[in-house]
Amino acid sequence: MDGREFRSLERAAEKLNLEVVGTYHSHIVWFAKPGNSDITGTWDGSLMLIVDTMDKDIKLWRIKNTRAYPVSFEII
């Protein structure tokens, strides 16, 4: 997602009284862990949900200071 798309998404969310807190994507042949390009391609402090489609694993990460930190969550 480029900067223009993201700003457009933020404006739409704001009109609905919502806030964009992160992104999600899948890894079809890799673990549910962000790679370097995932980390550098997002904004500091954001959440990133990654789905590993091979192992059927889902992980949530907080991206902070160019590092990814696991976040506990529950799927309900």
PDB file of N, CA and C in Angstrom:
ATOM      1  N   MET A   1       0.853  -1.167   0.000  1.00  0.00           N
ATOM      2  CA  MET A   1       0.000   0.000   0.000  1.00  0.00           C
ATOM      3  C   MET A   1       0.900   1.232   0.000  1.00  0.00           C
ATOM      4  N   ASP A   2       0.692   2.100  -0.949  1.00  0.00           N
ATOM      5  CA  ASP A   2       1.528   3.298  -0.978  1.00  0.00           C
ATOM      6  C   ASP A   2       0.933   4.389  -0.078  1.00  0.00           C
ATOM      7  N   GLY A   3       1.666   5.463   0.089  1.00  0.00           N
ATOM      8  CA  GLY A   3       1.271   6.541   0.997  1.00  0.00           C
ATOM      9  C   GLY A   3      -0.079   7.155   0.671  1.00  0.00           C
ATOM     10  N   ARG A   4      -0.369   7.328  -0.625  1.00  0.00           N
ATOM     11  CA  ARG A   4      -1.664   7.914  -1.028  1.00  0.00           C
ATOM     12  C   ARG A   4      -2.819   7.004  -0.633  1.00  0.00           C
ATOM     13  N   GLU A   5      -2.653   5.708  -0.871  1.00  0.00           N
ATOM     14  CA  GLU A   5      -3.706   4.759  -0.500  1.00  0.00           C
ATOM     15  C   GLU A   5      -3.931   4.765   1.003  1.00  0.00           C
ATOM     16  N   PHE A   6      -2.831   4.805   1.756  1.00  0.00           N
ATOM     17  CA  PHE A   6      -2.960   4.789   3.207  1.00  0.00           C
ATOM     18  C   PHE A   6      -3.663   6.045   3.708  1.00  0.00           C
ATOM     19  N   ARG A   7      -3.293   7.211   3.196  1.00  0.00           N
ATOM     20  CA  ARG A   7      -3.946   8.454   3.627  1.00  0.00           C
ATOM     21  C   ARG A   7      -5.428   8.451   3.285  1.00  0.00           C
ATOM     22  N   SER A   8      -5.767   7.904   2.138  1.00  0.00           N
ATOM     23  CA  SER A   8      -7.174   7.791   1.748  1.00  0.00           C
ATOM     24  C   SER A   8      -7.929   6.882   2.722  1.00  0.00           C
ATOM     25  N   LEU A   9      -7.316   5.781   3.097  1.00  0.00           N
ATOM     26  CA  LEU A   9      -7.913   4.862   4.063  1.00  0.00           C
ATOM     27  C   LEU A   9      -8.090   5.536   5.419  1.00  0.00           C
ATOM     28  N   GLU A  10      -7.083   6.283   5.847  1.00  0.00           N
ATOM     29  CA  GLU A  10      -7.180   6.995   7.128  1.00  0.00           C
ATOM     30  C   GLU A  10      -8.322   8.010   7.110  1.00  0.00           C
ATOM     31  N   ARG A  11      -8.467   8.757   6.013  1.00  0.00           N
ATOM     32  CA  ARG A  11      -9.553   9.739   5.913  1.00  0.00           C
ATOM     33  C   ARG A  11     -10.921   9.054   5.973  1.00  0.00           C
ATOM     34  N   ALA A  12     -11.055   7.933   5.280  1.00  0.00           N
ATOM     35  CA  ALA A  12     -12.319   7.194   5.300  1.00  0.00           C
ATOM     36  C   ALA A  12     -12.633   6.687   6.712  1.00  0.00           C
ATOM     37  N   ALA A  13     -11.634   6.164   7.391  1.00  0.00           N
ATOM     38  CA  ALA A  13     -11.826   5.672   8.757  1.00  0.00           C
ATOM     39  C   ALA A  13     -12.221   6.816   9.687  1.00  0.00           C
ATOM     40  N   GLU A  14     -11.584   7.955   9.525  1.00  0.00           N
ATOM     41  CA  GLU A  14     -11.885   9.119  10.369  1.00  0.00           C
ATOM     42  C   GLU A  14     -13.338   9.551  10.199  1.00  0.00           C
ATOM     43  N   LYS A  15     -13.841   9.536   8.975  1.00  0.00           N
ATOM     44  CA  LYS A  15     -15.240   9.901   8.727  1.00  0.00           C
ATOM     45  C   LYS A  15     -16.204   8.958   9.431  1.00  0.00           C
ATOM     46  N   LEU A  16     -15.771   7.729   9.661  1.00  0.00           N
ATOM     47  CA  LEU A  16     -16.598   6.732  10.338  1.00  0.00           C
ATOM     48  C   LEU A  16     -16.305   6.649  11.833  1.00  0.00           C
ATOM     49  N   ASN A  17     -15.504   7.586  12.333  1.00  0.00           N
ATOM     50  CA  ASN A  17     -15.092   7.580  13.748  1.00  0.00           C
ATOM     51  C   ASN A  17     -14.293   6.329  14.102  1.00  0.00           C
ATOM     52  N   LEU A  18     -13.468   5.866  13.174  1.00  0.00           N
ATOM     53  CA  LEU A  18     -12.616   4.705  13.387  1.00  0.00           C
ATOM     54  C   LEU A  18     -11.155   5.120  13.277  1.00  0.00           C
ATOM     55  N   GLU A  19     -10.272   4.216  13.660  1.00  0.00           N
ATOM     56  CA  GLU A  19      -8.836   4.490  13.592  1.00  0.00           C
ATOM     57  C   GLU A  19      -8.122   3.283  12.994  1.00  0.00           C
ATOM     58  N   VAL A  20      -7.239   3.510  12.059  1.00  0.00           N
ATOM     59  CA  VAL A  20      -6.425   2.444  11.487  1.00  0.00           C
ATOM     60  C   VAL A  20      -5.281   2.179  12.466  1.00  0.00           C
ATOM     61  N   VAL A  21      -5.187   0.943  12.957  1.00  0.00           N
ATOM     62  CA  VAL A  21      -4.152   0.619  13.945  1.00  0.00           C
ATOM     63  C   VAL A  21      -3.092  -0.317  13.398  1.00  0.00           C
ATOM     64  N   GLY A  22      -3.306  -0.828  12.179  1.00  0.00           N
ATOM     65  CA  GLY A  22      -2.315  -1.740  11.635  1.00  0.00           C
ATOM     66  C   GLY A  22      -2.734  -2.322  10.304  1.00  0.00           C
ATOM     67  N   THR A  23      -2.029  -3.378   9.935  1.00  0.00           N
ATOM     68  CA  THR A  23      -2.254  -4.038   8.654  1.00  0.00           C
ATOM     69  C   THR A  23      -2.307  -5.544   8.864  1.00  0.00           C
ATOM     70  N   TYR A  24      -2.719  -6.239   7.829  1.00  0.00           N
ATOM     71  CA  TYR A  24      -2.635  -7.698   7.852  1.00  0.00           C
ATOM     72  C   TYR A  24      -2.240  -8.188   6.463  1.00  0.00           C
ATOM     73  N   HIS A  25      -1.641  -9.337   6.429  1.00  0.00           N
ATOM     74  CA  HIS A  25      -1.321  -9.991   5.168  1.00  0.00           C
ATOM     75  C   HIS A  25      -1.019 -11.458   5.439  1.00  0.00           C
ATOM     76  N   SER A  26      -0.850 -12.223   4.377  1.00  0.00           N
ATOM     77  CA  SER A  26      -0.547 -13.644   4.541  1.00  0.00           C
ATOM     78  C   SER A  26       0.837 -13.954   3.993  1.00  0.00           C
ATOM     79  N   HIS A  27       1.398 -14.993   4.547  1.00  0.00           N
ATOM     80  CA  HIS A  27       2.633 -15.583   4.028  1.00  0.00           C
ATOM     81  C   HIS A  27       2.245 -16.975   3.542  1.00  0.00           C
ATOM     82  N   ILE A  28       2.362 -17.207   2.257  1.00  0.00           N
ATOM     83  CA  ILE A  28       1.910 -18.499   1.737  1.00  0.00           C
ATOM     84  C   ILE A  28       2.968 -19.595   1.847  1.00  0.00           C
ATOM     85  N   VAL A  29       4.234 -19.217   1.961  1.00  0.00           N
ATOM     86  CA  VAL A  29       5.287 -20.229   2.118  1.00  0.00           C
ATOM     87  C   VAL A  29       6.298 -19.806   3.183  1.00  0.00           C
ATOM     88  N   TRP A  30       5.843 -19.104   4.200  1.00  0.00           N
ATOM     89  CA  TRP A  30       6.741 -18.655   5.249  1.00  0.00           C
ATOM     90  C   TRP A  30       5.977 -18.575   6.556  1.00  0.00           C
ATOM     91  N   PHE A  31       6.690 -18.522   7.653  1.00  0.00           N
ATOM     92  CA  PHE A  31       6.082 -18.450   8.981  1.00  0.00           C
ATOM     93  C   PHE A  31       5.309 -17.142   9.157  1.00  0.00           C
ATOM     94  N   ALA A  32       4.454 -17.095  10.154  1.00  0.00           N
ATOM     95  CA  ALA A  32       3.658 -15.906  10.462  1.00  0.00           C
ATOM     96  C   ALA A  32       4.505 -14.916  11.266  1.00  0.00           C
ATOM     97  N   LYS A  33       5.644 -14.573  10.712  1.00  0.00           N
ATOM     98  CA  LYS A  33       6.590 -13.659  11.360  1.00  0.00           C
ATOM     99  C   LYS A  33       6.988 -12.600  10.337  1.00  0.00           C
ATOM    100  N   PRO A  34       6.990 -11.314  10.729  1.00  0.00           N
ATOM    101  CA  PRO A  34       7.331 -10.275   9.755  1.00  0.00           C
ATOM    102  C   PRO A  34       8.783 -10.347   9.319  1.00  0.00           C
ATOM    103  N   GLY A  35       8.994 -10.180   8.028  1.00  0.00           N
ATOM    104  CA  GLY A  35      10.340 -10.085   7.482  1.00  0.00           C
ATOM    105  C   GLY A  35      10.804  -8.638   7.509  1.00  0.00           C
ATOM    106  N   ASN A  36      12.035  -8.417   7.092  1.00  0.00           N
ATOM    107  CA  ASN A  36      12.594  -7.059   7.096  1.00  0.00           C
ATOM    108  C   ASN A  36      11.766  -6.098   6.265  1.00  0.00           C
ATOM    109  N   SER A  37      11.309  -6.520   5.092  1.00  0.00           N
ATOM    110  CA  SER A  37      10.523  -5.608   4.254  1.00  0.00           C
ATOM    111  C   SER A  37       9.157  -5.334   4.875  1.00  0.00           C
ATOM    112  N   ASP A  38       8.592  -6.298   5.605  1.00  0.00           N
ATOM    113  CA  ASP A  38       7.333  -6.053   6.315  1.00  0.00           C
ATOM    114  C   ASP A  38       7.524  -4.955   7.351  1.00  0.00           C
ATOM    115  N   ILE A  39       8.606  -5.066   8.108  1.00  0.00           N
ATOM    116  CA  ILE A  39       8.868  -4.119   9.201  1.00  0.00           C
ATOM    117  C   ILE A  39       9.177  -2.725   8.662  1.00  0.00           C
ATOM    118  N   THR A  40      10.028  -2.657   7.658  1.00  0.00           N
ATOM    119  CA  THR A  40      10.386  -1.334   7.135  1.00  0.00           C
ATOM    120  C   THR A  40       9.265  -0.719   6.311  1.00  0.00           C
ATOM    121  N   GLY A  41       8.299  -1.532   5.875  1.00  0.00           N
ATOM    122  CA  GLY A  41       7.213  -1.027   5.046  1.00  0.00           C
ATOM    123  C   GLY A  41       6.000  -0.552   5.815  1.00  0.00           C
ATOM    124  N   THR A  42       6.077  -0.519   7.134  1.00  0.00           N
ATOM    125  CA  THR A  42       4.937  -0.067   7.934  1.00  0.00           C
ATOM    126  C   THR A  42       5.364   1.053   8.867  1.00  0.00           C
ATOM    127  N   TRP A  43       4.435   1.627   9.576  1.00  0.00           N
ATOM    128  CA  TRP A  43       4.754   2.757  10.448  1.00  0.00           C
ATOM    129  C   TRP A  43       5.027   2.293  11.873  1.00  0.00           C
ATOM    130  N   ASP A  44       5.846   3.043  12.565  1.00  0.00           N
ATOM    131  CA  ASP A  44       6.268   2.729  13.932  1.00  0.00           C
ATOM    132  C   ASP A  44       5.060   2.729  14.869  1.00  0.00           C
ATOM    133  N   GLY A  45       4.952   1.694  15.668  1.00  0.00           N
ATOM    134  CA  GLY A  45       3.872   1.579  16.640  1.00  0.00           C
ATOM    135  C   GLY A  45       2.653   0.831  16.129  1.00  0.00           C
ATOM    136  N   SER A  46       2.671   0.425  14.869  1.00  0.00           N
ATOM    137  CA  SER A  46       1.496  -0.234  14.304  1.00  0.00           C
ATOM    138  C   SER A  46       1.429  -1.709  14.676  1.00  0.00           C
ATOM    139  N   LEU A  47       0.242  -2.272  14.498  1.00  0.00           N
ATOM    140  CA  LEU A  47       0.038  -3.703  14.658  1.00  0.00           C
ATOM    141  C   LEU A  47       0.107  -4.363  13.292  1.00  0.00           C
ATOM    142  N   MET A  48       0.555  -5.615  13.261  1.00  0.00           N
ATOM    143  CA  MET A  48       0.625  -6.358  12.008  1.00  0.00           C
ATOM    144  C   MET A  48       0.162  -7.787  12.281  1.00  0.00           C
ATOM    145  N   LEU A  49      -0.930  -8.180  11.649  1.00  0.00           N
ATOM    146  CA  LEU A  49      -1.450  -9.533  11.748  1.00  0.00           C
ATOM    147  C   LEU A  49      -0.979 -10.304  10.514  1.00  0.00           C
ATOM    148  N   ILE A  50      -0.358 -11.453  10.745  1.00  0.00           N
ATOM    149  CA  ILE A  50       0.165 -12.253   9.638  1.00  0.00           C
ATOM    150  C   ILE A  50      -0.412 -13.664   9.726  1.00  0.00           C
ATOM    151  N   VAL A  51      -0.907 -14.140   8.595  1.00  0.00           N
ATOM    152  CA  VAL A  51      -1.461 -15.488   8.502  1.00  0.00           C
ATOM    153  C   VAL A  51      -0.489 -16.355   7.695  1.00  0.00           C
ATOM    154  N   ASP A  52      -0.039 -17.445   8.306  1.00  0.00           N
ATOM    155  CA  ASP A  52       0.791 -18.442   7.624  1.00  0.00           C
ATOM    156  C   ASP A  52      -0.174 -19.473   7.050  1.00  0.00           C
ATOM    157  N   THR A  53      -0.361 -19.476   5.736  1.00  0.00           N
ATOM    158  CA  THR A  53      -1.367 -20.339   5.131  1.00  0.00           C
ATOM    159  C   THR A  53      -0.943 -21.804   5.052  1.00  0.00           C
ATOM    160  N   MET A  54       0.342 -22.090   5.129  1.00  0.00           N
ATOM    161  CA  MET A  54       0.785 -23.486   5.091  1.00  0.00           C
ATOM    162  C   MET A  54       0.551 -24.174   6.437  1.00  0.00           C
ATOM    163  N   ASP A  55       0.989 -23.530   7.518  1.00  0.00           N
ATOM    164  CA  ASP A  55       0.844 -24.115   8.853  1.00  0.00           C
ATOM    165  C   ASP A  55      -0.468 -23.722   9.525  1.00  0.00           C
ATOM    166  N   LYS A  56      -1.266 -22.883   8.841  1.00  0.00           N
ATOM    167  CA  LYS A  56      -2.540 -22.402   9.389  1.00  0.00           C
ATOM    168  C   LYS A  56      -2.313 -21.748  10.756  1.00  0.00           C
ATOM    169  N   ASP A  57      -1.339 -20.869  10.805  1.00  0.00           N
ATOM    170  CA  ASP A  57      -0.965 -20.165  12.027  1.00  0.00           C
ATOM    171  C   ASP A  57      -1.225 -18.671  11.834  1.00  0.00           C
ATOM    172  N   ILE A  58      -1.657 -18.006  12.886  1.00  0.00           N
ATOM    173  CA  ILE A  58      -1.916 -16.564  12.837  1.00  0.00           C
ATOM    174  C   ILE A  58      -1.188 -15.921  14.008  1.00  0.00           C
ATOM    175  N   LYS A  59      -0.416 -14.880  13.726  1.00  0.00           N
ATOM    176  CA  LYS A  59       0.314 -14.173  14.784  1.00  0.00           C
ATOM    177  C   LYS A  59       0.107 -12.674  14.635  1.00  0.00           C
ATOM    178  N   LEU A  60       0.110 -11.995  15.783  1.00  0.00           N
ATOM    179  CA  LEU A  60      -0.031 -10.543  15.831  1.00  0.00           C
ATOM    180  C   LEU A  60       1.263  -9.948  16.373  1.00  0.00           C
ATOM    181  N   TRP A  61       1.702  -8.876  15.735  1.00  0.00           N
ATOM    182  CA  TRP A  61       2.966  -8.232  16.088  1.00  0.00           C
ATOM    183  C   TRP A  61       2.782  -6.739  16.276  1.00  0.00           C
ATOM    184  N   ARG A  62       3.537  -6.152  17.192  1.00  0.00           N
ATOM    185  CA  ARG A  62       3.646  -4.700  17.334  1.00  0.00           C
ATOM    186  C   ARG A  62       4.985  -4.321  16.733  1.00  0.00           C
ATOM    187  N   ILE A  63       4.987  -3.401  15.788  1.00  0.00           N
ATOM    188  CA  ILE A  63       6.221  -2.949  15.151  1.00  0.00           C
ATOM    189  C   ILE A  63       6.670  -1.675  15.855  1.00  0.00           C
ATOM    190  N   LYS A  64       7.838  -1.717  16.460  1.00  0.00           N
ATOM    191  CA  LYS A  64       8.343  -0.582  17.228  1.00  0.00           C
ATOM    192  C   LYS A  64       9.856  -0.501  17.079  1.00  0.00           C
ATOM    193  N   ASN A  65      10.348   0.666  16.712  1.00  0.00           N
ATOM    194  CA  ASN A  65      11.791   0.897  16.584  1.00  0.00           C
ATOM    195  C   ASN A  65      12.476  -0.148  15.695  1.00  0.00           C
ATOM    196  N   THR A  66      11.890  -0.396  14.551  1.00  0.00           N
ATOM    197  CA  THR A  66      12.387  -1.347  13.539  1.00  0.00           C
ATOM    198  C   THR A  66      12.509  -2.787  14.046  1.00  0.00           C
ATOM    199  N   ARG A  67      11.709  -3.129  15.039  1.00  0.00           N
ATOM    200  CA  ARG A  67      11.665  -4.507  15.541  1.00  0.00           C
ATOM    201  C   ARG A  67      10.219  -4.951  15.651  1.00  0.00           C
ATOM    202  N   ALA A  68       9.999  -6.243  15.624  1.00  0.00           N
ATOM    203  CA  ALA A  68       8.654  -6.822  15.757  1.00  0.00           C
ATOM    204  C   ALA A  68       8.555  -7.533  17.109  1.00  0.00           C
ATOM    205  N   TYR A  69       7.520  -7.206  17.849  1.00  0.00           N
ATOM    206  CA  TYR A  69       7.281  -7.796  19.163  1.00  0.00           C
ATOM    207  C   TYR A  69       5.957  -8.556  19.133  1.00  0.00           C
ATOM    208  N   PRO A  70       5.955  -9.812  19.575  1.00  0.00           N
ATOM    209  CA  PRO A  70       4.707 -10.578  19.555  1.00  0.00           C
ATOM    210  C   PRO A  70       3.682  -9.992  20.516  1.00  0.00           C
ATOM    211  N   VAL A  71       2.425 -10.037  20.114  1.00  0.00           N
ATOM    212  CA  VAL A  71       1.320  -9.548  20.925  1.00  0.00           C
ATOM    213  C   VAL A  71       0.356 -10.707  21.133  1.00  0.00           C
ATOM    214  N   SER A  72      -0.032 -10.937  22.375  1.00  0.00           N
ATOM    215  CA  SER A  72      -1.013 -12.000  22.676  1.00  0.00           C
ATOM    216  C   SER A  72      -2.390 -11.550  22.227  1.00  0.00           C
ATOM    217  N   PHE A  73      -3.145 -12.472  21.674  1.00  0.00           N
ATOM    218  CA  PHE A  73      -4.523 -12.179  21.287  1.00  0.00           C
ATOM    219  C   PHE A  73      -5.305 -13.495  21.241  1.00  0.00           C
ATOM    220  N   GLU A  74      -6.602 -13.354  21.174  1.00  0.00           N
ATOM    221  CA  GLU A  74      -7.460 -14.524  21.121  1.00  0.00           C
ATOM    222  C   GLU A  74      -8.440 -14.353  19.966  1.00  0.00           C
ATOM    223  N   ILE A  75      -8.600 -15.399  19.191  1.00  0.00           N
ATOM    224  CA  ILE A  75      -9.583 -15.386  18.119  1.00  0.00           C
ATOM    225  C   ILE A  75     -10.892 -15.917  18.687  1.00  0.00           C
ATOM    226  N   ILE A  76     -11.935 -15.126  18.540  1.00  0.00           N
ATOM    227  CA  ILE A  76     -13.226 -15.560  19.071  1.00  0.00           C
ATOM    228  C   ILE A  76     -14.270 -15.648  17.978  1.00  0.00           C
TER     229      ILE A  76
END
